[in-house]
N, C-alpha and C. Protein backbone atom coordinates (compact mmCIF):
# COMPACT_ATOMS: atom_id res chain seq x y z
N MET A 1 31.87 -1.06 -10.46
CA MET A 1 30.45 -1.25 -10.69
C MET A 1 30.02 -2.53 -9.96
N THR A 2 28.95 -2.46 -9.22
CA THR A 2 28.43 -3.61 -8.48
C THR A 2 27.35 -4.30 -9.30
N LYS A 3 27.48 -5.60 -9.38
CA LYS A 3 26.48 -6.38 -10.11
C LYS A 3 25.37 -6.78 -9.13
N ILE A 4 24.14 -6.50 -9.47
CA ILE A 4 23.00 -6.84 -8.63
C ILE A 4 22.26 -8.00 -9.28
N THR A 5 22.06 -9.05 -8.51
CA THR A 5 21.34 -10.21 -9.01
C THR A 5 19.97 -10.27 -8.35
N LEU A 6 18.96 -10.32 -9.15
CA LEU A 6 17.61 -10.45 -8.63
C LEU A 6 17.20 -11.91 -8.68
N ILE A 7 16.66 -12.37 -7.57
CA ILE A 7 16.19 -13.75 -7.50
C ILE A 7 14.67 -13.72 -7.50
N LYS A 8 14.09 -14.36 -8.47
CA LYS A 8 12.65 -14.41 -8.57
C LYS A 8 12.14 -15.67 -7.87
N SER A 9 11.26 -15.47 -6.91
CA SER A 9 10.73 -16.60 -6.16
C SER A 9 9.77 -17.40 -7.02
N SER A 10 9.89 -18.72 -6.96
CA SER A 10 8.97 -19.58 -7.70
C SER A 10 7.76 -19.93 -6.85
N MET A 11 7.73 -19.45 -5.63
CA MET A 11 6.61 -19.71 -4.75
C MET A 11 5.50 -18.70 -5.01
N ALA A 12 4.30 -19.20 -5.06
CA ALA A 12 3.16 -18.34 -5.39
C ALA A 12 2.54 -17.73 -4.14
N VAL A 13 1.94 -16.57 -4.34
CA VAL A 13 1.17 -15.87 -3.32
C VAL A 13 -0.25 -15.75 -3.84
N TYR A 14 -1.24 -15.87 -2.95
CA TYR A 14 -2.64 -15.92 -3.36
C TYR A 14 -3.49 -14.93 -2.56
N VAL A 15 -4.57 -14.46 -3.18
CA VAL A 15 -5.59 -13.67 -2.50
C VAL A 15 -6.95 -14.24 -2.87
N ASP A 16 -7.83 -14.32 -1.87
CA ASP A 16 -9.19 -14.75 -2.17
C ASP A 16 -10.06 -13.52 -2.42
N ALA A 17 -11.33 -13.73 -2.65
CA ALA A 17 -12.25 -12.61 -2.91
C ALA A 17 -12.40 -11.76 -1.65
N ALA A 18 -12.47 -10.46 -1.84
CA ALA A 18 -12.64 -9.54 -0.72
C ALA A 18 -14.12 -9.47 -0.33
N VAL A 19 -14.51 -10.28 0.62
CA VAL A 19 -15.92 -10.34 1.01
C VAL A 19 -16.14 -10.33 2.51
N TRP A 20 -15.07 -10.22 3.31
CA TRP A 20 -15.21 -10.34 4.76
C TRP A 20 -15.27 -8.97 5.42
N PRO A 21 -16.44 -8.57 5.96
CA PRO A 21 -16.55 -7.26 6.60
C PRO A 21 -15.77 -7.20 7.91
N TYR A 22 -15.08 -6.07 8.11
CA TYR A 22 -14.37 -5.80 9.36
C TYR A 22 -14.48 -4.31 9.60
N GLY A 23 -15.38 -3.93 10.47
CA GLY A 23 -15.65 -2.51 10.66
C GLY A 23 -16.21 -1.92 9.37
N ARG A 24 -15.57 -0.85 8.88
CA ARG A 24 -15.99 -0.21 7.63
C ARG A 24 -15.28 -0.79 6.42
N MET A 25 -14.39 -1.73 6.65
CA MET A 25 -13.59 -2.28 5.55
C MET A 25 -14.11 -3.64 5.10
N ILE A 26 -13.73 -3.99 3.91
CA ILE A 26 -13.97 -5.33 3.37
C ILE A 26 -12.60 -5.98 3.24
N MET A 27 -12.45 -7.16 3.83
CA MET A 27 -11.15 -7.81 3.90
C MET A 27 -11.09 -9.08 3.07
N CYS A 28 -9.88 -9.54 2.82
CA CYS A 28 -9.65 -10.83 2.18
C CYS A 28 -8.43 -11.46 2.83
N HIS A 29 -8.09 -12.66 2.38
CA HIS A 29 -6.93 -13.37 2.90
C HIS A 29 -5.78 -13.32 1.90
N LEU A 30 -4.59 -13.12 2.43
CA LEU A 30 -3.35 -13.21 1.67
C LEU A 30 -2.61 -14.42 2.20
N LEU A 31 -2.34 -15.40 1.34
CA LEU A 31 -1.62 -16.59 1.75
C LEU A 31 -0.65 -16.99 0.66
N ALA A 32 0.27 -17.90 0.98
CA ALA A 32 1.32 -18.25 0.02
C ALA A 32 1.80 -19.68 0.24
N ASP A 33 2.56 -20.16 -0.73
CA ASP A 33 3.13 -21.50 -0.65
C ASP A 33 4.09 -21.64 0.53
N THR A 34 4.79 -20.54 0.86
CA THR A 34 5.73 -20.55 1.98
C THR A 34 5.54 -19.28 2.81
N GLU A 35 5.93 -19.35 4.09
CA GLU A 35 5.86 -18.15 4.92
C GLU A 35 6.81 -17.08 4.42
N GLU A 36 7.94 -17.48 3.87
CA GLU A 36 8.89 -16.51 3.32
C GLU A 36 8.24 -15.69 2.21
N ALA A 37 7.59 -16.36 1.27
CA ALA A 37 6.92 -15.67 0.17
C ALA A 37 5.78 -14.80 0.70
N LEU A 38 5.07 -15.30 1.69
CA LEU A 38 3.96 -14.55 2.30
C LEU A 38 4.47 -13.25 2.91
N HIS A 39 5.52 -13.34 3.72
CA HIS A 39 6.07 -12.14 4.36
C HIS A 39 6.69 -11.18 3.35
N MET A 40 7.30 -11.72 2.30
CA MET A 40 7.86 -10.85 1.27
C MET A 40 6.77 -10.02 0.60
N MET A 41 5.63 -10.66 0.30
CA MET A 41 4.53 -9.91 -0.31
C MET A 41 3.95 -8.90 0.68
N ALA A 42 3.76 -9.31 1.92
CA ALA A 42 3.23 -8.40 2.93
C ALA A 42 4.12 -7.17 3.04
N ASP A 43 5.43 -7.39 3.08
CA ASP A 43 6.36 -6.25 3.14
C ASP A 43 6.22 -5.37 1.91
N ARG A 44 6.10 -5.98 0.75
CA ARG A 44 6.03 -5.22 -0.50
C ARG A 44 4.78 -4.35 -0.59
N ILE A 45 3.65 -4.85 -0.04
CA ILE A 45 2.41 -4.08 -0.13
C ILE A 45 2.16 -3.22 1.12
N GLY A 46 3.11 -3.24 2.05
CA GLY A 46 3.02 -2.37 3.22
C GLY A 46 2.15 -2.88 4.35
N VAL A 47 2.10 -4.18 4.53
CA VAL A 47 1.33 -4.76 5.64
C VAL A 47 2.31 -5.15 6.74
N SER A 48 2.09 -4.64 7.92
CA SER A 48 2.97 -4.88 9.06
C SER A 48 2.94 -6.36 9.49
N ARG A 49 4.08 -6.85 9.94
CA ARG A 49 4.18 -8.24 10.42
C ARG A 49 3.30 -8.49 11.63
N ARG A 50 2.92 -7.43 12.33
CA ARG A 50 2.07 -7.64 13.51
C ARG A 50 0.68 -8.16 13.12
N TRP A 51 0.33 -8.07 11.84
CA TRP A 51 -0.96 -8.57 11.37
C TRP A 51 -0.89 -10.02 10.88
N PHE A 52 0.31 -10.61 10.95
CA PHE A 52 0.47 -12.00 10.54
C PHE A 52 -0.32 -12.90 11.48
N GLN A 53 -1.04 -13.87 10.90
CA GLN A 53 -1.84 -14.81 11.68
C GLN A 53 -1.38 -16.23 11.36
N HIS A 54 -1.18 -16.99 12.40
CA HIS A 54 -0.68 -18.35 12.21
C HIS A 54 -1.52 -19.36 12.99
N ARG A 55 -2.58 -18.92 13.58
CA ARG A 55 -3.36 -19.79 14.46
C ARG A 55 -3.89 -21.04 13.76
N ARG A 56 -4.58 -20.86 12.65
CA ARG A 56 -5.11 -22.01 11.91
C ARG A 56 -4.27 -22.33 10.69
N TYR A 57 -3.78 -21.31 10.02
CA TYR A 57 -2.90 -21.46 8.86
C TYR A 57 -2.23 -20.11 8.66
N PRO A 58 -1.03 -20.06 8.12
CA PRO A 58 -0.32 -18.79 7.98
C PRO A 58 -0.97 -17.90 6.91
N HIS A 59 -1.36 -16.69 7.32
CA HIS A 59 -1.97 -15.75 6.39
C HIS A 59 -2.02 -14.35 6.99
N TYR A 60 -2.39 -13.40 6.17
CA TYR A 60 -2.70 -12.04 6.60
C TYR A 60 -4.12 -11.76 6.14
N ASP A 61 -4.87 -11.01 6.95
CA ASP A 61 -6.13 -10.43 6.50
C ASP A 61 -5.78 -9.04 5.98
N ILE A 62 -6.17 -8.77 4.74
CA ILE A 62 -5.82 -7.48 4.14
C ILE A 62 -7.06 -6.81 3.55
N CYS A 63 -7.02 -5.49 3.46
CA CYS A 63 -8.14 -4.73 2.91
C CYS A 63 -8.11 -4.77 1.38
N LYS A 64 -9.18 -4.29 0.76
CA LYS A 64 -9.30 -4.32 -0.70
C LYS A 64 -8.16 -3.56 -1.39
N ALA A 65 -7.74 -2.44 -0.81
CA ALA A 65 -6.67 -1.65 -1.43
C ALA A 65 -5.36 -2.44 -1.44
N LYS A 66 -5.06 -3.13 -0.34
CA LYS A 66 -3.84 -3.95 -0.27
C LYS A 66 -3.97 -5.17 -1.18
N ARG A 67 -5.19 -5.69 -1.33
CA ARG A 67 -5.43 -6.81 -2.24
C ARG A 67 -5.08 -6.39 -3.67
N ALA A 68 -5.53 -5.19 -4.05
CA ALA A 68 -5.24 -4.69 -5.40
C ALA A 68 -3.73 -4.57 -5.62
N LEU A 69 -3.00 -4.11 -4.61
CA LEU A 69 -1.54 -4.02 -4.73
C LEU A 69 -0.93 -5.41 -4.86
N ALA A 70 -1.41 -6.36 -4.06
CA ALA A 70 -0.88 -7.72 -4.12
C ALA A 70 -1.06 -8.31 -5.51
N VAL A 71 -2.24 -8.11 -6.09
CA VAL A 71 -2.51 -8.61 -7.45
C VAL A 71 -1.58 -7.91 -8.44
N LYS A 72 -1.40 -6.61 -8.27
CA LYS A 72 -0.50 -5.85 -9.15
C LYS A 72 0.92 -6.42 -9.10
N TYR A 73 1.33 -6.88 -7.92
CA TYR A 73 2.68 -7.41 -7.74
C TYR A 73 2.77 -8.93 -7.93
N GLY A 74 1.71 -9.53 -8.47
CA GLY A 74 1.81 -10.93 -8.86
C GLY A 74 1.02 -11.95 -8.08
N ALA A 75 0.27 -11.54 -7.07
CA ALA A 75 -0.55 -12.51 -6.33
C ALA A 75 -1.62 -13.08 -7.26
N LYS A 76 -1.87 -14.36 -7.11
CA LYS A 76 -2.88 -15.03 -7.93
C LYS A 76 -4.23 -14.97 -7.22
N GLU A 77 -5.26 -14.59 -7.98
CA GLU A 77 -6.61 -14.55 -7.43
C GLU A 77 -7.18 -15.97 -7.43
N ILE A 78 -7.72 -16.37 -6.28
CA ILE A 78 -8.29 -17.71 -6.17
C ILE A 78 -9.73 -17.63 -5.69
N ASN A 79 -10.51 -18.65 -6.06
CA ASN A 79 -11.91 -18.69 -5.63
C ASN A 79 -12.02 -19.37 -4.27
N ARG A 80 -13.22 -19.46 -3.75
CA ARG A 80 -13.42 -20.02 -2.41
C ARG A 80 -12.95 -21.47 -2.31
N ARG A 81 -13.27 -22.27 -3.30
CA ARG A 81 -12.86 -23.68 -3.28
C ARG A 81 -11.33 -23.80 -3.26
N GLN A 82 -10.67 -23.00 -4.07
CA GLN A 82 -9.20 -23.01 -4.09
C GLN A 82 -8.62 -22.52 -2.77
N PHE A 83 -9.28 -21.51 -2.19
CA PHE A 83 -8.83 -20.98 -0.90
C PHE A 83 -8.91 -22.06 0.18
N VAL A 84 -10.03 -22.76 0.26
CA VAL A 84 -10.20 -23.81 1.27
C VAL A 84 -9.14 -24.90 1.08
N ALA A 85 -8.89 -25.29 -0.15
CA ALA A 85 -7.87 -26.30 -0.43
C ALA A 85 -6.49 -25.81 0.01
N MET A 86 -6.16 -24.56 -0.30
CA MET A 86 -4.86 -24.01 0.07
C MET A 86 -4.72 -23.88 1.59
N ALA A 87 -5.76 -23.37 2.26
CA ALA A 87 -5.71 -23.22 3.70
C ALA A 87 -5.56 -24.58 4.40
N THR A 88 -6.26 -25.59 3.88
CA THR A 88 -6.15 -26.94 4.45
C THR A 88 -4.73 -27.48 4.26
N LYS A 89 -4.18 -27.27 3.09
CA LYS A 89 -2.80 -27.73 2.80
C LYS A 89 -1.82 -27.06 3.75
N LEU A 90 -1.97 -25.74 3.94
CA LEU A 90 -1.05 -25.01 4.83
C LEU A 90 -1.23 -25.44 6.28
N LYS A 91 -2.47 -25.68 6.67
CA LYS A 91 -2.77 -26.07 8.05
C LYS A 91 -2.09 -27.39 8.40
N HIS A 92 -2.06 -28.29 7.46
CA HIS A 92 -1.49 -29.62 7.69
C HIS A 92 -0.04 -29.72 7.27
N GLY A 93 0.53 -28.62 6.84
CA GLY A 93 1.94 -28.58 6.49
C GLY A 93 2.31 -29.38 5.26
N ALA A 94 1.36 -29.57 4.36
CA ALA A 94 1.65 -30.35 3.15
C ALA A 94 2.39 -29.56 2.12
């Protein structure tokens, strides 16, 4: 019998409000304390790594349906002020 150990990440993943129009979709940002946690959530909700954006700060733009999945899997919902603070922190590598 093989023993499987699950490691729970203590790093948080966040989503802001879905208010950004992109074509017919409404998008939001998915960001996290670490890129590892960010990519783990993206993989879990089915977002391809090709959508990863690192230009200003590491994040993914995701649609409302993917946002709902992220929240279901533990992403914390944040408001605009919290989003700006988090994006600034990530941008400066704090």
